[in-house]
Amino acid sequence: MSRKTSTLIGAGAGLALYLFAGLLPSMYYGGFAGVLLAGGIFGTPLQPTLLVRGLIYFSTAMGVVGVGSLFAVGGAAAGAAVGALVPAPKKEAEAKVKA
């Protein structure tokens, strides 16, 4: 297994972990940050106007994308580290197994 393969496997594992553990909190905290930002810009109490909703949706999407990319990069780094530390099997050993 090459280093590129282990990096891709690590990135996939990081994204799978994100889907199970990080998606809902990232949506929640991104939306909360959007509400705080909209409250600072437009004043409180917030009126559900198009700009306020758009700002909240945008910050929610940025929270999801930001945390998802963090999990993917972290998983890829962990996969690359495992790929660098674990030696790849030699081709001669594979030839003996097939024979």
PDB file of N, CA and C in Angstrom:
ATOM      1  N   MET A   1       0.846  -1.162   0.000  1.00  0.00           N
ATOM      2  CA  MET A   1       0.000   0.000   0.000  1.00  0.00           C
ATOM      3  C   MET A   1       0.900   1.235   0.000  1.00  0.00           C
ATOM      4  N   SER A   2       0.646   2.154  -0.906  1.00  0.00           N
ATOM      5  CA  SER A   2       1.488   3.336  -1.014  1.00  0.00           C
ATOM      6  C   SER A   2       1.033   4.411  -0.028  1.00  0.00           C
ATOM      7  N   ARG A   3       1.834   5.432   0.090  1.00  0.00           N
ATOM      8  CA  ARG A   3       1.514   6.524   1.000  1.00  0.00           C
ATOM      9  C   ARG A   3       0.259   7.259   0.526  1.00  0.00           C
ATOM     10  N   LYS A   4       0.086   7.373  -0.795  1.00  0.00           N
ATOM     11  CA  LYS A   4      -1.102   8.051  -1.321  1.00  0.00           C
ATOM     12  C   LYS A   4      -2.359   7.273  -0.969  1.00  0.00           C
ATOM     13  N   THR A   5      -2.297   5.976  -1.061  1.00  0.00           N
ATOM     14  CA  THR A   5      -3.454   5.149  -0.723  1.00  0.00           C
ATOM     15  C   THR A   5      -3.810   5.279   0.750  1.00  0.00           C
ATOM     16  N   SER A   6      -2.815   5.243   1.605  1.00  0.00           N
ATOM     17  CA  SER A   6      -3.098   5.372   3.035  1.00  0.00           C
ATOM     18  C   SER A   6      -3.607   6.767   3.371  1.00  0.00           C
ATOM     19  N   THR A   7      -3.147   7.786   2.647  1.00  0.00           N
ATOM     20  CA  THR A   7      -3.651   9.142   2.859  1.00  0.00           C
ATOM     21  C   THR A   7      -5.124   9.236   2.471  1.00  0.00           C
ATOM     22  N   LEU A   8      -5.484   8.641   1.342  1.00  0.00           N
ATOM     23  CA  LEU A   8      -6.885   8.667   0.905  1.00  0.00           C
ATOM     24  C   LEU A   8      -7.787   7.866   1.845  1.00  0.00           C
ATOM     25  N   ILE A   9      -7.285   6.754   2.335  1.00  0.00           N
ATOM     26  CA  ILE A   9      -8.058   5.962   3.294  1.00  0.00           C
ATOM     27  C   ILE A   9      -8.250   6.755   4.589  1.00  0.00           C
ATOM     28  N   GLY A  10      -7.211   7.441   5.040  1.00  0.00           N
ATOM     29  CA  GLY A  10      -7.314   8.267   6.234  1.00  0.00           C
ATOM     30  C   GLY A  10      -8.293   9.419   6.065  1.00  0.00           C
ATOM     31  N   ALA A  11      -8.288  10.048   4.889  1.00  0.00           N
ATOM     32  CA  ALA A  11      -9.236  11.133   4.629  1.00  0.00           C
ATOM     33  C   ALA A  11     -10.668  10.608   4.609  1.00  0.00           C
ATOM     34  N   GLY A  12     -10.872   9.449   4.014  1.00  0.00           N
ATOM     35  CA  GLY A  12     -12.208   8.844   4.018  1.00  0.00           C
ATOM     36  C   GLY A  12     -12.669   8.478   5.415  1.00  0.00           C
ATOM     37  N   ALA A  13     -11.752   7.961   6.221  1.00  0.00           N
ATOM     38  CA  ALA A  13     -12.104   7.631   7.604  1.00  0.00           C
ATOM     39  C   ALA A  13     -12.411   8.891   8.395  1.00  0.00           C
ATOM     40  N   GLY A  14     -11.680   9.963   8.141  1.00  0.00           N
ATOM     41  CA  GLY A  14     -11.952  11.231   8.815  1.00  0.00           C
ATOM     42  C   GLY A  14     -13.310  11.785   8.440  1.00  0.00           C
ATOM     43  N   LEU A  15     -13.683  11.687   7.176  1.00  0.00           N
ATOM     44  CA  LEU A  15     -15.006  12.157   6.753  1.00  0.00           C
ATOM     45  C   LEU A  15     -16.121  11.280   7.312  1.00  0.00           C
ATOM     46  N   ALA A  16     -15.882   9.975   7.390  1.00  0.00           N
ATOM     47  CA  ALA A  16     -16.888   9.099   7.999  1.00  0.00           C
ATOM     48  C   ALA A  16     -17.069   9.420   9.480  1.00  0.00           C
ATOM     49  N   LEU A  17     -15.968   9.677  10.170  1.00  0.00           N
ATOM     50  CA  LEU A  17     -16.047  10.080  11.570  1.00  0.00           C
ATOM     51  C   LEU A  17     -16.780  11.412  11.702  1.00  0.00           C
ATOM     52  N   TYR A  18     -16.549  12.313  10.764  1.00  0.00           N
ATOM     53  CA  TYR A  18     -17.250  13.598  10.777  1.00  0.00           C
ATOM     54  C   TYR A  18     -18.751  13.412  10.601  1.00  0.00           C
ATOM     55  N   LEU A  19     -19.150  12.532   9.710  1.00  0.00           N
ATOM     56  CA  LEU A  19     -20.584  12.325   9.496  1.00  0.00           C
ATOM     57  C   LEU A  19     -21.270  11.775  10.740  1.00  0.00           C
ATOM     58  N   PHE A  20     -20.554  10.950  11.501  1.00  0.00           N
ATOM     59  CA  PHE A  20     -21.155  10.363  12.692  1.00  0.00           C
ATOM     60  C   PHE A  20     -21.044  11.265  13.915  1.00  0.00           C
ATOM     61  N   ALA A  21     -19.964  12.038  14.037  1.00  0.00           N
ATOM     62  CA  ALA A  21     -19.729  12.759  15.283  1.00  0.00           C
ATOM     63  C   ALA A  21     -19.710  14.273  15.137  1.00  0.00           C
ATOM     64  N   GLY A  22     -19.499  14.802  13.942  1.00  0.00           N
ATOM     65  CA  GLY A  22     -19.274  16.232  13.841  1.00  0.00           C
ATOM     66  C   GLY A  22     -20.278  17.028  13.043  1.00  0.00           C
ATOM     67  N   LEU A  23     -21.135  16.385  12.287  1.00  0.00           N
ATOM     68  CA  LEU A  23     -22.039  17.123  11.412  1.00  0.00           C
ATOM     69  C   LEU A  23     -23.054  17.937  12.198  1.00  0.00           C
ATOM     70  N   LEU A  24     -23.731  17.322  13.133  1.00  0.00           N
ATOM     71  CA  LEU A  24     -24.770  18.020  13.885  1.00  0.00           C
ATOM     72  C   LEU A  24     -24.205  19.152  14.746  1.00  0.00           C
ATOM     73  N   PRO A  25     -23.106  18.931  15.496  1.00  0.00           N
ATOM     74  CA  PRO A  25     -22.556  20.062  16.254  1.00  0.00           C
ATOM     75  C   PRO A  25     -22.057  21.207  15.377  1.00  0.00           C
ATOM     76  N   SER A  26     -21.498  20.894  14.218  1.00  0.00           N
ATOM     77  CA  SER A  26     -21.008  21.969  13.354  1.00  0.00           C
ATOM     78  C   SER A  26     -22.168  22.787  12.793  1.00  0.00           C
ATOM     79  N   MET A  27     -23.287  22.142  12.493  1.00  0.00           N
ATOM     80  CA  MET A  27     -24.470  22.876  12.056  1.00  0.00           C
ATOM     81  C   MET A  27     -25.009  23.745  13.190  1.00  0.00           C
ATOM     82  N   TYR A  28     -25.050  23.195  14.375  1.00  0.00           N
ATOM     83  CA  TYR A  28     -25.581  23.913  15.526  1.00  0.00           C
ATOM     84  C   TYR A  28     -24.740  25.147  15.839  1.00  0.00           C
ATOM     85  N   TYR A  29     -23.424  24.972  15.973  1.00  0.00           N
ATOM     86  CA  TYR A  29     -22.566  26.091  16.339  1.00  0.00           C
ATOM     87  C   TYR A  29     -22.412  27.088  15.199  1.00  0.00           C
ATOM     88  N   GLY A  30     -22.447  26.634  13.958  1.00  0.00           N
ATOM     89  CA  GLY A  30     -22.421  27.572  12.834  1.00  0.00           C
ATOM     90  C   GLY A  30     -23.671  28.428  12.793  1.00  0.00           C
ATOM     91  N   GLY A  31     -24.823  27.816  13.034  1.00  0.00           N
ATOM     92  CA  GLY A  31     -26.068  28.585  13.080  1.00  0.00           C
ATOM     93  C   GLY A  31     -26.094  29.551  14.250  1.00  0.00           C
ATOM     94  N   PHE A  32     -25.566  29.110  15.385  1.00  0.00           N
ATOM     95  CA  PHE A  32     -25.511  29.986  16.556  1.00  0.00           C
ATOM     96  C   PHE A  32     -24.609  31.187  16.298  1.00  0.00           C
ATOM     97  N   ALA A  33     -23.486  30.952  15.642  1.00  0.00           N
ATOM     98  CA  ALA A  33     -22.596  32.056  15.286  1.00  0.00           C
ATOM     99  C   ALA A  33     -23.293  33.004  14.311  1.00  0.00           C
ATOM    100  N   GLY A  34     -24.093  32.460  13.396  1.00  0.00           N
ATOM    101  CA  GLY A  34     -24.839  33.302  12.463  1.00  0.00           C
ATOM    102  C   GLY A  34     -25.873  34.155  13.164  1.00  0.00           C
ATOM    103  N   VAL A  35     -26.543  33.588  14.163  1.00  0.00           N
ATOM    104  CA  VAL A  35     -27.527  34.364  14.921  1.00  0.00           C
ATOM    105  C   VAL A  35     -26.830  35.490  15.695  1.00  0.00           C
ATOM    106  N   LEU A  36     -25.687  35.178  16.298  1.00  0.00           N
ATOM    107  CA  LEU A  36     -24.945  36.223  17.019  1.00  0.00           C
ATOM    108  C   LEU A  36     -24.456  37.312  16.072  1.00  0.00           C
ATOM    109  N   LEU A  37     -23.973  36.922  14.908  1.00  0.00           N
ATOM    110  CA  LEU A  37     -23.491  37.898  13.938  1.00  0.00           C
ATOM    111  C   LEU A  37     -24.641  38.754  13.411  1.00  0.00           C
ATOM    112  N   ALA A  38     -25.749  38.118  13.094  1.00  0.00           N
ATOM    113  CA  ALA A  38     -26.906  38.864  12.609  1.00  0.00           C
ATOM    114  C   ALA A  38     -27.446  39.796  13.688  1.00  0.00           C
ATOM    115  N   GLY A  39     -27.428  39.345  14.939  1.00  0.00           N
ATOM    116  CA  GLY A  39     -27.860  40.208  16.027  1.00  0.00           C
ATOM    117  C   GLY A  39     -26.947  41.408  16.198  1.00  0.00           C
ATOM    118  N   GLY A  40     -25.660  41.221  15.974  1.00  0.00           N
ATOM    119  CA  GLY A  40     -24.727  42.337  16.057  1.00  0.00           C
ATOM    120  C   GLY A  40     -24.881  43.319  14.911  1.00  0.00           C
ATOM    121  N   ILE A  41     -25.203  42.811  13.730  1.00  0.00           N
ATOM    122  CA  ILE A  41     -25.318  43.679  12.558  1.00  0.00           C
ATOM    123  C   ILE A  41     -26.679  44.366  12.502  1.00  0.00           C
ATOM    124  N   PHE A  42     -27.750  43.596  12.655  1.00  0.00           N
ATOM    125  CA  PHE A  42     -29.100  44.121  12.466  1.00  0.00           C
ATOM    126  C   PHE A  42     -29.805  44.484  13.761  1.00  0.00           C
ATOM    127  N   GLY A  43     -29.212  44.163  14.900  1.00  0.00           N
ATOM    128  CA  GLY A  43     -29.826  44.472  16.182  1.00  0.00           C
ATOM    129  C   GLY A  43     -30.785  43.381  16.628  1.00  0.00           C
ATOM    130  N   THR A  44     -30.975  43.323  17.937  1.00  0.00           N
ATOM    131  CA  THR A  44     -31.899  42.329  18.492  1.00  0.00           C
ATOM    132  C   THR A  44     -33.145  43.033  18.981  1.00  0.00           C
ATOM    133  N   PRO A  45     -34.274  42.428  18.985  1.00  0.00           N
ATOM    134  CA  PRO A  45     -34.584  41.086  18.499  1.00  0.00           C
ATOM    135  C   PRO A  45     -34.546  41.030  16.970  1.00  0.00           C
ATOM    136  N   LEU A  46     -34.159  39.875  16.458  1.00  0.00           N
ATOM    137  CA  LEU A  46     -34.009  39.703  15.011  1.00  0.00           C
ATOM    138  C   LEU A  46     -35.367  39.557  14.334  1.00  0.00           C
ATOM    139  N   GLN A  47     -35.507  40.221  13.224  1.00  0.00           N
ATOM    140  CA  GLN A  47     -36.681  40.041  12.376  1.00  0.00           C
ATOM    141  C   GLN A  47     -36.306  39.051  11.269  1.00  0.00           C
ATOM    142  N   PRO A  48     -37.176  38.122  10.937  1.00  0.00           N
ATOM    143  CA  PRO A  48     -36.809  37.099   9.932  1.00  0.00           C
ATOM    144  C   PRO A  48     -36.839  37.642   8.504  1.00  0.00           C
ATOM    145  N   THR A  49     -35.935  38.549   8.193  1.00  0.00           N
ATOM    146  CA  THR A  49     -35.854  39.098   6.849  1.00  0.00           C
ATOM    147  C   THR A  49     -34.942  38.219   5.991  1.00  0.00           C
ATOM    148  N   LEU A  50     -34.897  38.522   4.734  1.00  0.00           N
ATOM    149  CA  LEU A  50     -34.101  37.733   3.801  1.00  0.00           C
ATOM    150  C   LEU A  50     -32.604  37.821   4.127  1.00  0.00           C
ATOM    151  N   LEU A  51     -32.127  39.000   4.471  1.00  0.00           N
ATOM    152  CA  LEU A  51     -30.705  39.155   4.779  1.00  0.00           C
ATOM    153  C   LEU A  51     -30.311  38.420   6.051  1.00  0.00           C
ATOM    154  N   VAL A  52     -31.161  38.465   7.051  1.00  0.00           N
ATOM    155  CA  VAL A  52     -30.864  37.773   8.306  1.00  0.00           C
ATOM    156  C   VAL A  52     -30.835  36.272   8.087  1.00  0.00           C
ATOM    157  N   ARG A  53     -31.832  35.756   7.408  1.00  0.00           N
ATOM    158  CA  ARG A  53     -31.861  34.313   7.133  1.00  0.00           C
ATOM    159  C   ARG A  53     -30.682  33.885   6.275  1.00  0.00           C
ATOM    160  N   GLY A  54     -30.359  34.689   5.270  1.00  0.00           N
ATOM    161  CA  GLY A  54     -29.220  34.375   4.412  1.00  0.00           C
ATOM    162  C   GLY A  54     -27.913  34.342   5.182  1.00  0.00           C
ATOM    163  N   LEU A  55     -27.743  35.260   6.116  1.00  0.00           N
ATOM    164  CA  LEU A  55     -26.532  35.285   6.934  1.00  0.00           C
ATOM    165  C   LEU A  55     -26.446  34.062   7.838  1.00  0.00           C
ATOM    166  N   ILE A  56     -27.567  33.673   8.398  1.00  0.00           N
ATOM    167  CA  ILE A  56     -27.578  32.491   9.263  1.00  0.00           C
ATOM    168  C   ILE A  56     -27.316  31.230   8.441  1.00  0.00           C
ATOM    169  N   TYR A  57     -27.935  31.097   7.284  1.00  0.00           N
ATOM    170  CA  TYR A  57     -27.699  29.923   6.433  1.00  0.00           C
ATOM    171  C   TYR A  57     -26.243  29.867   5.968  1.00  0.00           C
ATOM    172  N   PHE A  58     -25.698  31.032   5.615  1.00  0.00           N
ATOM    173  CA  PHE A  58     -24.308  31.070   5.158  1.00  0.00           C
ATOM    174  C   PHE A  58     -23.351  30.653   6.270  1.00  0.00           C
ATOM    175  N   SER A  59     -23.576  31.143   7.468  1.00  0.00           N
ATOM    176  CA  SER A  59     -22.677  30.771   8.561  1.00  0.00           C
ATOM    177  C   SER A  59     -22.835  29.300   8.935  1.00  0.00           C
ATOM    178  N   THR A  60     -24.043  28.765   8.816  1.00  0.00           N
ATOM    179  CA  THR A  60     -24.233  27.329   9.057  1.00  0.00           C
ATOM    180  C   THR A  60     -23.460  26.509   8.024  1.00  0.00           C
ATOM    181  N   ALA A  61     -23.554  26.908   6.765  1.00  0.00           N
ATOM    182  CA  ALA A  61     -22.832  26.197   5.709  1.00  0.00           C
ATOM    183  C   ALA A  61     -21.326  26.314   5.894  1.00  0.00           C
ATOM    184  N   MET A  62     -20.854  27.480   6.311  1.00  0.00           N
ATOM    185  CA  MET A  62     -19.419  27.645   6.541  1.00  0.00           C
ATOM    186  C   MET A  62     -18.950  26.808   7.723  1.00  0.00           C
ATOM    187  N   GLY A  63     -19.785  26.652   8.742  1.00  0.00           N
ATOM    188  CA  GLY A  63     -19.430  25.791   9.861  1.00  0.00           C
ATOM    189  C   GLY A  63     -19.323  24.345   9.431  1.00  0.00           C
ATOM    190  N   VAL A  64     -20.264  23.888   8.599  1.00  0.00           N
ATOM    191  CA  VAL A  64     -20.248  22.505   8.120  1.00  0.00           C
ATOM    192  C   VAL A  64     -19.029  22.247   7.240  1.00  0.00           C
ATOM    193  N   VAL A  65     -18.755  23.144   6.313  1.00  0.00           N
ATOM    194  CA  VAL A  65     -17.620  22.959   5.402  1.00  0.00           C
ATOM    195  C   VAL A  65     -16.293  23.072   6.146  1.00  0.00           C
ATOM    196  N   GLY A  66     -16.204  24.031   7.060  1.00  0.00           N
ATOM    197  CA  GLY A  66     -14.956  24.226   7.797  1.00  0.00           C
ATOM    198  C   GLY A  66     -14.603  23.046   8.677  1.00  0.00           C
ATOM    199  N   VAL A  67     -15.563  22.560   9.448  1.00  0.00           N
ATOM    200  CA  VAL A  67     -15.291  21.434  10.337  1.00  0.00           C
ATOM    201  C   VAL A  67     -15.104  20.151   9.527  1.00  0.00           C
ATOM    202  N   GLY A  68     -15.857  19.983   8.446  1.00  0.00           N
ATOM    203  CA  GLY A  68     -15.668  18.812   7.587  1.00  0.00           C
ATOM    204  C   GLY A  68     -14.287  18.768   6.972  1.00  0.00           C
ATOM    205  N   SER A  69     -13.791  19.913   6.524  1.00  0.00           N
ATOM    206  CA  SER A  69     -12.437  19.928   5.961  1.00  0.00           C
ATOM    207  C   SER A  69     -11.391  19.690   7.039  1.00  0.00           C
ATOM    208  N   LEU A  70     -11.657  20.144   8.255  1.00  0.00           N
ATOM    209  CA  LEU A  70     -10.736  19.878   9.356  1.00  0.00           C
ATOM    210  C   LEU A  70     -10.642  18.377   9.638  1.00  0.00           C
ATOM    211  N   PHE A  71     -11.770  17.691   9.653  1.00  0.00           N
ATOM    212  CA  PHE A  71     -11.769  16.241   9.863  1.00  0.00           C
ATOM    213  C   PHE A  71     -11.069  15.530   8.702  1.00  0.00           C
ATOM    214  N   ALA A  72     -11.303  15.973   7.467  1.00  0.00           N
ATOM    215  CA  ALA A  72     -10.684  15.317   6.310  1.00  0.00           C
ATOM    216  C   ALA A  72      -9.171  15.501   6.316  1.00  0.00           C
ATOM    217  N   VAL A  73      -8.703  16.688   6.611  1.00  0.00           N
ATOM    218  CA  VAL A  73      -7.262  16.941   6.635  1.00  0.00           C
ATOM    219  C   VAL A  73      -6.613  16.196   7.793  1.00  0.00           C
ATOM    220  N   GLY A  74      -7.268  16.182   8.947  1.00  0.00           N
ATOM    221  CA  GLY A  74      -6.736  15.429  10.081  1.00  0.00           C
ATOM    222  C   GLY A  74      -6.666  13.942   9.806  1.00  0.00           C
ATOM    223  N   GLY A  75      -7.699  13.396   9.171  1.00  0.00           N
ATOM    224  CA  GLY A  75      -7.682  11.983   8.807  1.00  0.00           C
ATOM    225  C   GLY A  75      -6.629  11.668   7.766  1.00  0.00           C
ATOM    226  N   ALA A  76      -6.448  12.573   6.804  1.00  0.00           N
ATOM    227  CA  ALA A  76      -5.416  12.363   5.783  1.00  0.00           C
ATOM    228  C   ALA A  76      -4.027  12.417   6.398  1.00  0.00           C
ATOM    229  N   ALA A  77      -3.819  13.320   7.341  1.00  0.00           N
ATOM    230  CA  ALA A  77      -2.513  13.396   8.008  1.00  0.00           C
ATOM    231  C   ALA A  77      -2.255  12.135   8.832  1.00  0.00           C
ATOM    232  N   ALA A  78      -3.282  11.652   9.515  1.00  0.00           N
ATOM    233  CA  ALA A  78      -3.122  10.419  10.292  1.00  0.00           C
ATOM    234  C   ALA A  78      -2.863   9.229   9.364  1.00  0.00           C
ATOM    235  N   GLY A  79      -3.564   9.175   8.230  1.00  0.00           N
ATOM    236  CA  GLY A  79      -3.335   8.097   7.271  1.00  0.00           C
ATOM    237  C   GLY A  79      -1.947   8.149   6.659  1.00  0.00           C
ATOM    238  N   ALA A  80      -1.468   9.351   6.366  1.00  0.00           N
ATOM    239  CA  ALA A  80      -0.111   9.488   5.822  1.00  0.00           C
ATOM    240  C   ALA A  80       0.931   9.077   6.860  1.00  0.00           C
ATOM    241  N   ALA A  81       0.680   9.413   8.124  1.00  0.00           N
ATOM    242  CA  ALA A  81       1.613   9.016   9.178  1.00  0.00           C
ATOM    243  C   ALA A  81       1.646   7.503   9.335  1.00  0.00           C
ATOM    244  N   VAL A  82       0.492   6.866   9.293  1.00  0.00           N
ATOM    245  CA  VAL A  82       0.457   5.407   9.390  1.00  0.00           C
ATOM    246  C   VAL A  82       1.135   4.784   8.171  1.00  0.00           C
ATOM    247  N   GLY A  83       0.891   5.354   6.990  1.00  0.00           N
ATOM    248  CA  GLY A  83       1.531   4.841   5.782  1.00  0.00           C
ATOM    249  C   GLY A  83       3.034   4.996   5.795  1.00  0.00           C
ATOM    250  N   ALA A  84       3.537   6.044   6.455  1.00  0.00           N
ATOM    251  CA  ALA A  84       4.984   6.240   6.529  1.00  0.00           C
ATOM    252  C   ALA A  84       5.619   5.346   7.585  1.00  0.00           C
ATOM    253  N   LEU A  85       4.877   5.032   8.644  1.00  0.00           N
ATOM    254  CA  LEU A  85       5.441   4.231   9.734  1.00  0.00           C
ATOM    255  C   LEU A  85       5.357   2.729   9.483  1.00  0.00           C
ATOM    256  N   VAL A  86       4.318   2.280   8.812  1.00  0.00           N
ATOM    257  CA  VAL A  86       4.141   0.847   8.555  1.00  0.00           C
ATOM    258  C   VAL A  86       4.768   0.522   7.206  1.00  0.00           C
ATOM    259  N   PRO A  87       5.705  -0.398   7.172  1.00  0.00           N
ATOM    260  CA  PRO A  87       6.350  -0.717   5.886  1.00  0.00           C
ATOM    261  C   PRO A  87       5.394  -1.457   4.948  1.00  0.00           C
ATOM    262  N   ALA A  88       5.540  -1.178   3.676  1.00  0.00           N
ATOM    263  CA  ALA A  88       4.716  -1.836   2.669  1.00  0.00           C
ATOM    264  C   ALA A  88       5.207  -3.267   2.455  1.00  0.00           C
ATOM    265  N   PRO A  89       4.304  -4.208   2.165  1.00  0.00           N
ATOM    266  CA  PRO A  89       4.755  -5.578   1.910  1.00  0.00           C
ATOM    267  C   PRO A  89       5.585  -5.636   0.627  1.00  0.00           C
ATOM    268  N   LYS A  90       6.577  -6.502   0.632  1.00  0.00           N
ATOM    269  CA  LYS A  90       7.463  -6.615  -0.529  1.00  0.00           C
ATOM    270  C   LYS A  90       6.808  -7.463  -1.611  1.00  0.00           C
ATOM    271  N   LYS A  91       7.167  -7.197  -2.842  1.00  0.00           N
ATOM    272  CA  LYS A  91       6.575  -7.910  -3.971  1.00  0.00           C
ATOM    273  C   LYS A  91       7.007  -9.378  -3.983  1.00  0.00           C
ATOM    274  N   GLU A  92       8.173  -9.688  -3.473  1.00  0.00           N
ATOM    275  CA  GLU A  92       8.634 -11.075  -3.461  1.00  0.00           C
ATOM    276  C   GLU A  92       7.753 -11.926  -2.533  1.00  0.00           C
ATOM    277  N   ALA A  93       7.328 -11.365  -1.440  1.00  0.00           N
ATOM    278  CA  ALA A  93       6.460 -12.101  -0.518  1.00  0.00           C
ATOM    279  C   ALA A  93       5.101 -12.358  -1.159  1.00  0.00           C
ATOM    280  N   GLU A  94       4.612 -11.395  -1.953  1.00  0.00           N
ATOM    281  CA  GLU A  94       3.332 -11.593  -2.632  1.00  0.00           C
ATOM    282  C   GLU A  94       3.449 -12.680  -3.704  1.00  0.00           C
ATOM    283  N   ALA A  95       4.581 -12.753  -4.392  1.00  0.00           N
ATOM    284  CA  ALA A  95       4.774 -13.753  -5.426  1.00  0.00           C
ATOM    285  C   ALA A  95       4.807 -15.152  -4.815  1.00  0.00           C
ATOM    286  N   LYS A  96       5.385 -15.299  -3.640  1.00  0.00           N
ATOM    287  CA  LYS A  96       5.436 -16.606  -2.979  1.00  0.00           C
ATOM    288  C   LYS A  96       4.048 -17.057  -2.518  1.00  0.00           C
ATOM    289  N   VAL A  97       3.237 -16.126  -2.111  1.00  0.00           N
ATOM    290  CA  VAL A  97       1.889 -16.458  -1.654  1.00  0.00           C
ATOM    291  C   VAL A  97       1.040 -16.920  -2.824  1.00  0.00           C
ATOM    292  N   LYS A  98       1.187 -16.296  -4.009  1.00  0.00           N
ATOM    293  CA  LYS A  98       0.414 -16.660  -5.159  1.00  0.00           C
ATOM    294  C   LYS A  98       0.811 -18.018  -5.742  1.00  0.00           C
ATOM    295  N   ALA A  99       2.059 -18.415  -5.574  1.00  0.00           N
ATOM    296  CA  ALA A  99       2.561 -19.652  -6.168  1.00  0.00           C
ATOM    297  C   ALA A  99       2.163 -20.866  -5.390  1.00  0.00           C
TER     298      ALA A  99
END
